[in-house]
């Protein structure tokens, strides 16, 4: 039996504490059978900001903090409507002061969730609860499409040029190509290019006397590892509304930042997927979802084309 939107929202309120939307002093009460195409998506700047909006418009700049702990997340999702926009705005921004919403030209009818810098634990806590509530919206939920990406900004506070090189090299090595695409959940694409230039990497990673951003092969903002900002942005992952898939990709970003930190591994080990996998296994309580994906990768690595066939929840 179908639920009215008011009934759906009562279930969402019980989980999130976000009050249902009110239009003209009345709760939304029309049924899912009504044509969703006739419902005009909101374009109110209070909810969805312009593409050029930055997180420090809403959140204070981060001061002194522990190195290699903070990440900012951009999650692209599609099929927006007045219910899922309301939920995203009031849960992620009004209630938790965690993220704001903004438009993106690569999306047809969606928006981007842009978080403030936060720890892995915080990202998983907030996004996990949000995705559960989103699924309760049923046919009105936000969805991921093939064009939707997950971009993770690594905080470069006290990050050395050598560590930046290690991160860039690990993701762009030809020998790591299938591993990276498997974890990312999608192949190479024009918005997140992996360059796979082993000769350049082998020469570059030992050259730490020059500034990282001026010596790398490419400086396009559409590289899989974007170094044109004040962060290192990992752009290769697909978006997801599946908690475990999304968490595994965020865990990878945190793990590669800590794996390459000073004192953990030498240069040769920092480019090796076995060494990285061992690091993840040693920290399996922190990276449980990533460990499962890596374990599955090694089980099927003989396949010629191994890209995640993800089923939305």
C-alpha atoms as a PDB file:
ATOM      1  CA  UNK A   1       0.000   0.000   0.000  1.00  0.00           C
ATOM      2  CA  UNK A   2       1.358   3.451  -0.962  1.00  0.00           C
ATOM      3  CA  UNK A   3       2.164   6.017   1.687  1.00  0.00           C
ATOM      4  CA  UNK A   4       1.319   9.685   1.466  1.00  0.00           C
ATOM      5  CA  UNK A   5       4.212  12.105   1.661  1.00  0.00           C
ATOM      6  CA  UNK A   6       3.103  13.128   5.126  1.00  0.00           C
ATOM      7  CA  UNK A   7       3.299   9.482   6.255  1.00  0.00           C
ATOM      8  CA  UNK A   8       6.718   9.074   4.669  1.00  0.00           C
ATOM      9  CA  UNK A   9       7.950  12.136   6.468  1.00  0.00           C
ATOM     10  CA  UNK A  10       6.720  10.904   9.813  1.00  0.00           C
ATOM     11  CA  UNK A  11       9.064   7.944   9.422  1.00  0.00           C
ATOM     12  CA  UNK A  12      11.898  10.254   8.426  1.00  0.00           C
ATOM     13  CA  UNK A  13      11.255  12.526  11.405  1.00  0.00           C
ATOM     14  CA  UNK A  14      11.470   9.554  13.762  1.00  0.00           C
ATOM     15  CA  UNK A  15      15.006   8.898  12.485  1.00  0.00           C
ATOM     16  CA  UNK A  16      16.400  12.364  11.814  1.00  0.00           C
ATOM     17  CA  UNK A  17      14.379  14.774  13.940  1.00  0.00           C
ATOM     18  CA  UNK A  18      13.886  16.987  10.860  1.00  0.00           C
ATOM     19  CA  UNK A  19      10.386  18.439  10.857  1.00  0.00           C
ATOM     20  CA  UNK A  20       8.317  17.871   7.698  1.00  0.00           C
ATOM     21  CA  UNK A  21       8.059  20.646   5.105  1.00  0.00           C
ATOM     22  CA  UNK A  22       5.088  22.979   5.296  1.00  0.00           C
ATOM     23  CA  UNK A  23       3.624  24.644   2.206  1.00  0.00           C
ATOM     24  CA  UNK A  24       0.893  27.242   2.692  1.00  0.00           C
ATOM     25  CA  UNK A  25       0.615  26.142   6.348  1.00  0.00           C
ATOM     26  CA  UNK A  26      -0.327  22.590   5.307  1.00  0.00           C
ATOM     27  CA  UNK A  27       1.743  19.418   5.457  1.00  0.00           C
ATOM     28  CA  UNK A  28       2.441  17.870   2.091  1.00  0.00           C
ATOM     29  CA  UNK A  29      -0.334  15.313   1.754  1.00  0.00           C
ATOM     30  CA  UNK A  30      -0.623  14.300  -1.889  1.00  0.00           C
ATOM     31  CA  UNK A  31       0.038  10.697  -2.784  1.00  0.00           C
ATOM     32  CA  UNK A  32       2.941   9.094  -4.700  1.00  0.00           C
ATOM     33  CA  UNK A  33       0.516   8.224  -7.499  1.00  0.00           C
ATOM     34  CA  UNK A  34       0.451  11.860  -8.537  1.00  0.00           C
ATOM     35  CA  UNK A  35       2.772  12.719 -11.417  1.00  0.00           C
ATOM     36  CA  UNK A  36       6.188  13.615  -9.983  1.00  0.00           C
ATOM     37  CA  UNK A  37       6.970  15.510 -13.213  1.00  0.00           C
ATOM     38  CA  UNK A  38       4.274  18.017 -12.344  1.00  0.00           C
ATOM     39  CA  UNK A  39       6.084  18.958  -9.125  1.00  0.00           C
ATOM     40  CA  UNK A  40       8.390  21.894  -9.705  1.00  0.00           C
ATOM     41  CA  UNK A  41      11.847  21.370  -8.149  1.00  0.00           C
ATOM     42  CA  UNK A  42      12.827  24.245  -5.858  1.00  0.00           C
ATOM     43  CA  UNK A  43      15.352  26.723  -7.145  1.00  0.00           C
ATOM     44  CA  UNK A  44      15.434  28.760  -3.958  1.00  0.00           C
ATOM     45  CA  UNK A  45      18.984  29.985  -3.332  1.00  0.00           C
ATOM     46  CA  UNK A  46      18.347  29.392   0.363  1.00  0.00           C
ATOM     47  CA  UNK A  47      18.504  25.666  -0.383  1.00  0.00           C
ATOM     48  CA  UNK A  48      20.669  25.209  -3.500  1.00  0.00           C
ATOM     49  CA  UNK A  49      23.528  27.638  -4.005  1.00  0.00           C
ATOM     50  CA  UNK A  50      25.402  28.561  -7.180  1.00  0.00           C
ATOM     51  CA  UNK A  51      28.258  26.377  -8.390  1.00  0.00           C
ATOM     52  CA  UNK A  52      30.943  28.894  -7.362  1.00  0.00           C
ATOM     53  CA  UNK A  53      29.892  28.895  -3.696  1.00  0.00           C
ATOM     54  CA  UNK A  54      32.676  27.690  -1.370  1.00  0.00           C
ATOM     55  CA  UNK A  55      32.372  25.993   2.003  1.00  0.00           C
ATOM     56  CA  UNK A  56      33.946  28.898   3.904  1.00  0.00           C
ATOM     57  CA  UNK A  57      30.910  30.985   2.908  1.00  0.00           C
ATOM     58  CA  UNK A  58      28.992  29.015   5.541  1.00  0.00           C
ATOM     59  CA  UNK A  59      31.659  27.466   7.769  1.00  0.00           C
ATOM     60  CA  UNK A  60      34.626  29.079   9.510  1.00  0.00           C
ATOM     61  CA  UNK A  61      38.114  28.407   8.179  1.00  0.00           C
ATOM     62  CA  UNK A  62      39.796  25.485   9.929  1.00  0.00           C
ATOM     63  CA  UNK A  63      42.640  26.552  12.218  1.00  0.00           C
ATOM     64  CA  UNK A  64      45.319  24.406  13.813  1.00  0.00           C
ATOM     65  CA  UNK A  65      44.493  20.710  13.686  1.00  0.00           C
ATOM     66  CA  UNK A  66      46.097  17.301  13.742  1.00  0.00           C
ATOM     67  CA  UNK A  67      47.731  16.581  10.360  1.00  0.00           C
ATOM     68  CA  UNK A  68      46.271  14.002   7.940  1.00  0.00           C
ATOM     69  CA  UNK A  69      42.853  13.791   9.616  1.00  0.00           C
ATOM     70  CA  UNK A  70      40.432  16.092   7.785  1.00  0.00           C
ATOM     71  CA  UNK A  71      38.668  15.659   4.452  1.00  0.00           C
ATOM     72  CA  UNK A  72      36.049  17.635   2.580  1.00  0.00           C
ATOM     73  CA  UNK A  73      33.466  15.737   0.542  1.00  0.00           C
ATOM     74  CA  UNK A  74      31.499  16.616  -2.595  1.00  0.00           C
ATOM     75  CA  UNK A  75      28.766  14.102  -3.383  1.00  0.00           C
ATOM     76  CA  UNK A  76      26.776  14.514  -6.624  1.00  0.00           C
ATOM     77  CA  UNK A  77      23.225  13.127  -6.726  1.00  0.00           C
ATOM     78  CA  UNK A  78      20.351  13.324  -9.190  1.00  0.00           C
ATOM     79  CA  UNK A  79      16.543  13.463  -9.436  1.00  0.00           C
ATOM     80  CA  UNK A  80      15.913  16.272  -7.010  1.00  0.00           C
ATOM     81  CA  UNK A  81      12.432  17.273  -5.914  1.00  0.00           C
ATOM     82  CA  UNK A  82      10.967  19.405  -3.154  1.00  0.00           C
ATOM     83  CA  UNK A  83      11.096  16.558  -0.606  1.00  0.00           C
ATOM     84  CA  UNK A  84      14.661  15.341  -1.029  1.00  0.00           C
ATOM     85  CA  UNK A  85      15.997  18.898  -1.310  1.00  0.00           C
ATOM     86  CA  UNK A  86      14.202  19.814   1.909  1.00  0.00           C
ATOM     87  CA  UNK A  87      15.566  16.741   3.681  1.00  0.00           C
ATOM     88  CA  UNK A  88      19.130  17.323   2.486  1.00  0.00           C
ATOM     89  CA  UNK A  89      19.129  21.002   3.395  1.00  0.00           C
ATOM     90  CA  UNK A  90      17.573  20.729   6.839  1.00  0.00           C
ATOM     91  CA  UNK A  91      19.394  17.573   7.900  1.00  0.00           C
ATOM     92  CA  UNK A  92      22.868  18.304   6.533  1.00  0.00           C
ATOM     93  CA  UNK A  93      22.953  22.075   6.994  1.00  0.00           C
ATOM     94  CA  UNK A  94      20.303  23.290   9.447  1.00  0.00           C
ATOM     95  CA  UNK A  95      20.588  20.447  11.930  1.00  0.00           C
ATOM     96  CA  UNK A  96      24.223  19.345  11.700  1.00  0.00           C
ATOM     97  CA  UNK A  97      26.024  22.325  10.093  1.00  0.00           C
ATOM     98  CA  UNK A  98      27.839  19.647   8.102  1.00  0.00           C
ATOM     99  CA  UNK A  99      27.278  20.532   4.443  1.00  0.00           C
ATOM    100  CA  UNK A 100      25.573  22.935   2.057  1.00  0.00           C
ATOM    101  CA  UNK A 101      23.983  22.249  -1.328  1.00  0.00           C
ATOM    102  CA  UNK A 102      25.056  23.726  -4.648  1.00  0.00           C
ATOM    103  CA  UNK A 103      24.303  23.317  -8.337  1.00  0.00           C
ATOM    104  CA  UNK A 104      26.638  21.591 -10.796  1.00  0.00           C
ATOM    105  CA  UNK A 105      26.582  21.941 -14.575  1.00  0.00           C
ATOM    106  CA  UNK A 106      27.388  18.255 -15.095  1.00  0.00           C
ATOM    107  CA  UNK A 107      24.083  17.251 -13.468  1.00  0.00           C
ATOM    108  CA  UNK A 108      20.746  17.234 -15.290  1.00  0.00           C
ATOM    109  CA  UNK A 109      18.416  17.727 -12.327  1.00  0.00           C
ATOM    110  CA  UNK A 110      20.494  17.233  -9.233  1.00  0.00           C
ATOM    111  CA  UNK A 111      22.803  18.985  -6.824  1.00  0.00           C
ATOM    112  CA  UNK A 112      26.077  18.548  -5.023  1.00  0.00           C
ATOM    113  CA  UNK A 113      26.411  17.989  -1.281  1.00  0.00           C
ATOM    114  CA  UNK A 114      29.515  19.910  -0.161  1.00  0.00           C
ATOM    115  CA  UNK A 115      30.745  19.198   3.340  1.00  0.00           C
ATOM    116  CA  UNK A 116      33.025  21.170   5.568  1.00  0.00           C
ATOM    117  CA  UNK A 117      36.370  19.536   6.496  1.00  0.00           C
ATOM    118  CA  UNK A 118      35.680  16.685   8.887  1.00  0.00           C
ATOM    119  CA  UNK A 119      37.074  13.391  10.119  1.00  0.00           C
ATOM    120  CA  UNK A 120      36.295  10.016   8.576  1.00  0.00           C
ATOM    121  CA  UNK A 121      34.142   9.124  11.589  1.00  0.00           C
ATOM    122  CA  UNK A 122      32.083  12.309  11.247  1.00  0.00           C
ATOM    123  CA  UNK A 123      31.514  11.847   7.503  1.00  0.00           C
ATOM    124  CA  UNK A 124      30.300   8.295   7.958  1.00  0.00           C
ATOM    125  CA  UNK A 125      28.074   9.209  10.891  1.00  0.00           C
ATOM    126  CA  UNK A 126      26.244  12.059   9.132  1.00  0.00           C
ATOM    127  CA  UNK A 127      26.090  10.636   5.620  1.00  0.00           C
ATOM    128  CA  UNK A 128      25.073   7.221   6.909  1.00  0.00           C
ATOM    129  CA  UNK A 129      22.058   8.616   8.718  1.00  0.00           C
ATOM    130  CA  UNK A 130      21.179  10.837   5.752  1.00  0.00           C
ATOM    131  CA  UNK A 131      21.220   7.945   3.273  1.00  0.00           C
ATOM    132  CA  UNK A 132      18.923   5.884   5.499  1.00  0.00           C
ATOM    133  CA  UNK A 133      16.445   8.770   5.593  1.00  0.00           C
ATOM    134  CA  UNK A 134      16.793   9.313   1.847  1.00  0.00           C
ATOM    135  CA  UNK A 135      15.793   5.713   1.142  1.00  0.00           C
ATOM    136  CA  UNK A 136      12.639   6.223   3.188  1.00  0.00           C
ATOM    137  CA  UNK A 137      11.521   8.742   0.578  1.00  0.00           C
ATOM    138  CA  UNK A 138      10.889   5.823  -1.777  1.00  0.00           C
ATOM    139  CA  UNK A 139      10.242   7.067  -5.305  1.00  0.00           C
ATOM    140  CA  UNK A 140      11.156  10.602  -4.205  1.00  0.00           C
ATOM    141  CA  UNK A 141      14.665   9.684  -3.036  1.00  0.00           C
ATOM    142  CA  UNK A 142      17.882  11.072  -4.468  1.00  0.00           C
ATOM    143  CA  UNK A 143      19.683   8.669  -6.783  1.00  0.00           C
ATOM    144  CA  UNK A 144      23.114   8.289  -8.274  1.00  0.00           C
ATOM    145  CA  UNK A 145      23.503   8.233 -12.039  1.00  0.00           C
ATOM    146  CA  UNK A 146      26.620   7.147 -13.995  1.00  0.00           C
ATOM    147  CA  UNK A 147      27.652  10.797 -14.348  1.00  0.00           C
ATOM    148  CA  UNK A 148      27.560  11.411 -10.566  1.00  0.00           C
ATOM    149  CA  UNK A 149      30.902  11.535  -8.804  1.00  0.00           C
ATOM    150  CA  UNK A 150      32.320  11.530  -5.298  1.00  0.00           C
ATOM    151  CA  UNK A 151      35.175  14.000  -4.838  1.00  0.00           C
ATOM    152  CA  UNK A 152      37.229  13.963  -1.649  1.00  0.00           C
ATOM    153  CA  UNK A 153      39.517  16.852  -0.701  1.00  0.00           C
ATOM    154  CA  UNK A 154      42.476  15.824   1.445  1.00  0.00           C
ATOM    155  CA  UNK A 155      43.733  18.419   3.898  1.00  0.00           C
ATOM    156  CA  UNK A 156      47.360  19.281   3.036  1.00  0.00           C
ATOM    157  CA  UNK A 157      48.102  20.846   6.434  1.00  0.00           C
ATOM    158  CA  UNK A 158      51.733  19.927   7.234  1.00  0.00           C
ATOM    159  CA  UNK A 159      51.815  17.563   4.242  1.00  0.00           C
ATOM    160  CA  UNK A 160      55.260  17.341   2.665  1.00  0.00           C
ATOM    161  CA  UNK A 161      55.993  17.479  -1.053  1.00  0.00           C
ATOM    162  CA  UNK A 162      57.094  13.852  -0.852  1.00  0.00           C
ATOM    163  CA  UNK A 163      53.776  12.725   0.637  1.00  0.00           C
ATOM    164  CA  UNK A 164      51.852  14.593  -2.057  1.00  0.00           C
ATOM    165  CA  UNK A 165      53.972  12.838  -4.678  1.00  0.00           C
ATOM    166  CA  UNK A 166      53.269   9.456  -3.072  1.00  0.00           C
ATOM    167  CA  UNK A 167      49.503  10.000  -3.250  1.00  0.00           C
ATOM    168  CA  UNK A 168      49.648  11.200  -6.853  1.00  0.00           C
ATOM    169  CA  UNK A 169      51.909   8.319  -7.873  1.00  0.00           C
ATOM    170  CA  UNK A 170      49.904   5.562  -6.189  1.00  0.00           C
ATOM    171  CA  UNK A 171      46.747   6.561  -8.044  1.00  0.00           C
ATOM    172  CA  UNK A 172      48.396   7.180 -11.438  1.00  0.00           C
ATOM    173  CA  UNK A 173      50.645   4.126 -11.743  1.00  0.00           C
ATOM    174  CA  UNK A 174      49.762   1.810 -14.637  1.00  0.00           C
ATOM    175  CA  UNK A 175      50.303  -1.214 -12.387  1.00  0.00           C
ATOM    176  CA  UNK A 176      47.648   0.116  -9.982  1.00  0.00           C
ATOM    177  CA  UNK A 177      45.091   0.955 -12.673  1.00  0.00           C
ATOM    178  CA  UNK A 178      42.624  -1.906 -12.158  1.00  0.00           C
ATOM    179  CA  UNK A 179      42.907  -1.621  -8.385  1.00  0.00           C
ATOM    180  CA  UNK A 180      42.098   2.092  -8.422  1.00  0.00           C
ATOM    181  CA  UNK A 181      39.173   1.729 -10.828  1.00  0.00           C
ATOM    182  CA  UNK A 182      37.743  -1.155  -8.808  1.00  0.00           C
ATOM    183  CA  UNK A 183      37.805   0.826  -5.563  1.00  0.00           C
ATOM    184  CA  UNK A 184      36.496   3.924  -7.338  1.00  0.00           C
ATOM    185  CA  UNK A 185      33.562   1.999  -8.788  1.00  0.00           C
ATOM    186  CA  UNK A 186      34.066   3.335 -12.311  1.00  0.00           C
ATOM    187  CA  UNK A 187      36.560   3.507 -15.158  1.00  0.00           C
ATOM    188  CA  UNK A 188      38.578   6.453 -16.410  1.00  0.00           C
ATOM    189  CA  UNK A 189      36.470   9.440 -17.470  1.00  0.00           C
ATOM    190  CA  UNK A 190      37.033  12.966 -18.717  1.00  0.00           C
ATOM    191  CA  UNK A 191      36.093  14.538 -15.385  1.00  0.00           C
ATOM    192  CA  UNK A 192      38.613  12.430 -13.435  1.00  0.00           C
ATOM    193  CA  UNK A 193      41.502  11.409 -15.663  1.00  0.00           C
ATOM    194  CA  UNK A 194      44.084   8.898 -14.459  1.00  0.00           C
ATOM    195  CA  UNK A 195      47.270   9.469 -16.491  1.00  0.00           C
ATOM    196  CA  UNK A 196      49.195   6.220 -15.911  1.00  0.00           C
ATOM    197  CA  UNK A 197      52.654   7.563 -16.778  1.00  0.00           C
ATOM    198  CA  UNK A 198      55.082   5.312 -14.935  1.00  0.00           C
ATOM    199  CA  UNK A 199      58.229   6.869 -16.415  1.00  0.00           C
ATOM    200  CA  UNK A 200      57.236  10.338 -15.284  1.00  0.00           C
ATOM    201  CA  UNK A 201      56.216   9.090 -11.849  1.00  0.00           C
ATOM    202  CA  UNK A 202      59.432   7.148 -11.246  1.00  0.00           C
ATOM    203  CA  UNK A 203      61.441  10.297 -12.012  1.00  0.00           C
ATOM    204  CA  UNK A 204      59.134  12.756 -10.265  1.00  0.00           C
ATOM    205  CA  UNK A 205      58.681  11.044  -6.934  1.00  0.00           C
ATOM    206  CA  UNK A 206      62.353  11.457  -6.075  1.00  0.00           C
ATOM    207  CA  UNK A 207      62.293  15.145  -7.039  1.00  0.00           C
ATOM    208  CA  UNK A 208      61.007  16.787  -3.878  1.00  0.00           C
ATOM    209  CA  UNK A 209      63.115  19.925  -3.973  1.00  0.00           C
ATOM    210  CA  UNK A 210      60.698  21.780  -6.258  1.00  0.00           C
ATOM    211  CA  UNK A 211      57.134  22.698  -5.478  1.00  0.00           C
ATOM    212  CA  UNK A 212      54.732  19.812  -6.041  1.00  0.00           C
ATOM    213  CA  UNK A 213      52.152  21.764  -8.035  1.00  0.00           C
ATOM    214  CA  UNK A 214      54.685  23.191 -10.520  1.00  0.00           C
ATOM    215  CA  UNK A 215      56.466  19.949 -11.425  1.00  0.00           C
ATOM    216  CA  UNK A 216      53.649  17.464 -11.941  1.00  0.00           C
ATOM    217  CA  UNK A 217      52.831  16.323 -15.441  1.00  0.00           C
ATOM    218  CA  UNK A 218      49.301  17.738 -15.577  1.00  0.00           C
ATOM    219  CA  UNK A 219      47.575  20.489 -13.664  1.00  0.00           C
ATOM    220  CA  UNK A 220      44.014  20.099 -14.887  1.00  0.00           C
ATOM    221  CA  UNK A 221      41.200  20.387 -12.369  1.00  0.00           C
ATOM    222  CA  UNK A 222      39.671  17.360 -14.107  1.00  0.00           C
ATOM    223  CA  UNK A 223      42.544  15.026 -13.232  1.00  0.00           C
ATOM    224  CA  UNK A 224      41.798  12.087 -10.958  1.00  0.00           C
ATOM    225  CA  UNK A 225      44.207  13.757  -8.533  1.00  0.00           C
ATOM    226  CA  UNK A 226      43.471  17.469  -8.785  1.00  0.00           C
ATOM    227  CA  UNK A 227      46.225  19.645  -7.344  1.00  0.00           C
ATOM    228  CA  UNK A 228      45.042  23.021  -8.669  1.00  0.00           C
ATOM    229  CA  UNK A 229      43.495  23.992  -5.307  1.00  0.00           C
ATOM    230  CA  UNK A 230      44.927  24.232  -1.793  1.00  0.00           C
ATOM    231  CA  UNK A 231      43.942  20.613  -1.245  1.00  0.00           C
ATOM    232  CA  UNK A 232      44.560  17.306  -2.967  1.00  0.00           C
ATOM    233  CA  UNK A 233      41.234  16.413  -4.551  1.00  0.00           C
ATOM    234  CA  UNK A 234      40.580  12.757  -5.378  1.00  0.00           C
ATOM    235  CA  UNK A 235      37.983  12.796  -8.181  1.00  0.00           C
ATOM    236  CA  UNK A 236      37.996   9.250  -9.553  1.00  0.00           C
ATOM    237  CA  UNK A 237      35.250   7.688  -7.381  1.00  0.00           C
ATOM    238  CA  UNK A 238      31.648   7.177  -8.415  1.00  0.00           C
ATOM    239  CA  UNK A 239      28.882   8.549  -6.221  1.00  0.00           C
ATOM    240  CA  UNK A 240      26.658   6.106  -4.373  1.00  0.00           C
ATOM    241  CA  UNK A 241      23.569   6.013  -2.186  1.00  0.00           C
ATOM    242  CA  UNK A 242      24.645   2.611  -0.883  1.00  0.00           C
ATOM    243  CA  UNK A 243      26.217   3.131   2.547  1.00  0.00           C
ATOM    244  CA  UNK A 244      28.873   0.424   2.226  1.00  0.00           C
ATOM    245  CA  UNK A 245      29.958   1.464  -1.276  1.00  0.00           C
ATOM    246  CA  UNK A 246      30.129   5.147  -0.353  1.00  0.00           C
ATOM    247  CA  UNK A 247      31.965   4.459   2.901  1.00  0.00           C
ATOM    248  CA  UNK A 248      34.560   2.246   1.188  1.00  0.00           C
ATOM    249  CA  UNK A 249      35.470   5.113  -1.153  1.00  0.00           C
ATOM    250  CA  UNK A 250      35.701   7.666   1.630  1.00  0.00           C
ATOM    251  CA  UNK A 251      37.751   5.202   3.682  1.00  0.00           C
ATOM    252  CA  UNK A 252      40.157   4.856   0.747  1.00  0.00           C
ATOM    253  CA  UNK A 253      40.797   8.613   0.768  1.00  0.00           C
ATOM    254  CA  UNK A 254      41.516   8.588   4.494  1.00  0.00           C
ATOM    255  CA  UNK A 255      43.661   5.455   4.203  1.00  0.00           C
ATOM    256  CA  UNK A 256      45.847   6.763   1.364  1.00  0.00           C
ATOM    257  CA  UNK A 257      46.436   9.969   3.327  1.00  0.00           C
ATOM    258  CA  UNK A 258      47.577   8.055   6.412  1.00  0.00           C
ATOM    259  CA  UNK A 259      49.385   5.287   4.490  1.00  0.00           C
ATOM    260  CA  UNK A 260      51.668   7.821   2.813  1.00  0.00           C
ATOM    261  CA  UNK A 261      52.292   9.844   5.998  1.00  0.00           C
ATOM    262  CA  UNK A 262      55.894  10.210   7.185  1.00  0.00           C
ATOM    263  CA  UNK A 263      57.300   7.122   8.892  1.00  0.00           C
ATOM    264  CA  UNK A 264      54.762   4.626   7.565  1.00  0.00           C
ATOM    265  CA  UNK A 265      56.287   3.349   4.326  1.00  0.00           C
ATOM    266  CA  UNK A 266      59.265   4.039   2.088  1.00  0.00           C
ATOM    267  CA  UNK A 267      58.937   5.308  -1.475  1.00  0.00           C
ATOM    268  CA  UNK A 268      58.848   1.870  -3.090  1.00  0.00           C
ATOM    269  CA  UNK A 269      56.246   0.549  -0.655  1.00  0.00           C
ATOM    270  CA  UNK A 270      54.120   3.678  -1.073  1.00  0.00           C
ATOM    271  CA  UNK A 271      53.413   2.720  -4.689  1.00  0.00           C
ATOM    272  CA  UNK A 272      52.588  -0.930  -4.009  1.00  0.00           C
ATOM    273  CA  UNK A 273      48.977  -2.121  -3.659  1.00  0.00           C
ATOM    274  CA  UNK A 274      50.007  -5.087  -1.519  1.00  0.00           C
ATOM    275  CA  UNK A 275      51.666  -2.784   0.995  1.00  0.00           C
ATOM    276  CA  UNK A 276      48.585  -0.570   0.971  1.00  0.00           C
ATOM    277  CA  UNK A 277      46.304  -3.569   1.431  1.00  0.00           C
ATOM    278  CA  UNK A 278      48.368  -4.739   4.386  1.00  0.00           C
ATOM    279  CA  UNK A 279      48.052  -1.274   5.922  1.00  0.00           C
ATOM    280  CA  UNK A 280      44.273  -1.368   5.510  1.00  0.00           C
ATOM    281  CA  UNK A 281      44.136  -4.857   7.025  1.00  0.00           C
ATOM    282  CA  UNK A 282      46.137  -3.702  10.048  1.00  0.00           C
ATOM    283  CA  UNK A 283      43.570  -0.921  10.489  1.00  0.00           C
ATOM    284  CA  UNK A 284      40.483  -2.969   9.620  1.00  0.00           C
ATOM    285  CA  UNK A 285      38.454  -1.501  12.466  1.00  0.00           C
ATOM    286  CA  UNK A 286      38.862   1.912  10.845  1.00  0.00           C
ATOM    287  CA  UNK A 287      38.422   0.718   7.245  1.00  0.00           C
ATOM    288  CA  UNK A 288      36.015  -2.266   7.347  1.00  0.00           C
ATOM    289  CA  UNK A 289      34.190  -1.414   4.118  1.00  0.00           C
ATOM    290  CA  UNK A 290      37.381  -0.735   2.183  1.00  0.00           C
ATOM    291  CA  UNK A 291      38.906  -3.984   3.391  1.00  0.00           C
ATOM    292  CA  UNK A 292      35.949  -5.954   2.031  1.00  0.00           C
ATOM    293  CA  UNK A 293      36.290  -4.272  -1.369  1.00  0.00           C
ATOM    294  CA  UNK A 294      40.037  -4.945  -1.474  1.00  0.00           C
ATOM    295  CA  UNK A 295      39.529  -8.578  -0.489  1.00  0.00           C
ATOM    296  CA  UNK A 296      37.000  -8.984  -3.282  1.00  0.00           C
ATOM    297  CA  UNK A 297      39.374  -7.329  -5.743  1.00  0.00           C
ATOM    298  CA  UNK A 298      42.085  -9.889  -5.083  1.00  0.00           C
ATOM    299  CA  UNK A 299      39.543 -12.679  -5.494  1.00  0.00           C
ATOM    300  CA  UNK A 300      38.589 -11.527  -8.984  1.00  0.00           C
ATOM    301  CA  UNK A 301      41.751  -9.774 -10.175  1.00  0.00           C
ATOM    302  CA  UNK A 302      42.197 -12.193 -13.071  1.00  0.00           C
ATOM    303  CA  UNK A 303      39.103 -10.747 -14.726  1.00  0.00           C
ATOM    304  CA  UNK A 304      39.903  -8.573 -17.728  1.00  0.00           C
ATOM    305  CA  UNK A 305      37.548  -5.777 -16.767  1.00  0.00           C
ATOM    306  CA  UNK A 306      36.596  -5.494 -13.104  1.00  0.00           C
ATOM    307  CA  UNK A 307      34.335  -2.579 -12.393  1.00  0.00           C
ATOM    308  CA  UNK A 308      31.856  -2.619  -9.526  1.00  0.00           C
ATOM    309  CA  UNK A 309      28.345  -3.596 -10.609  1.00  0.00           C
ATOM    310  CA  UNK A 310      26.595  -1.687  -7.872  1.00  0.00           C
ATOM    311  CA  UNK A 311      22.928  -2.127  -7.021  1.00  0.00           C
ATOM    312  CA  UNK A 312      21.232   0.853  -5.431  1.00  0.00           C
ATOM    313  CA  UNK A 313      19.450   0.215  -2.183  1.00  0.00           C
END
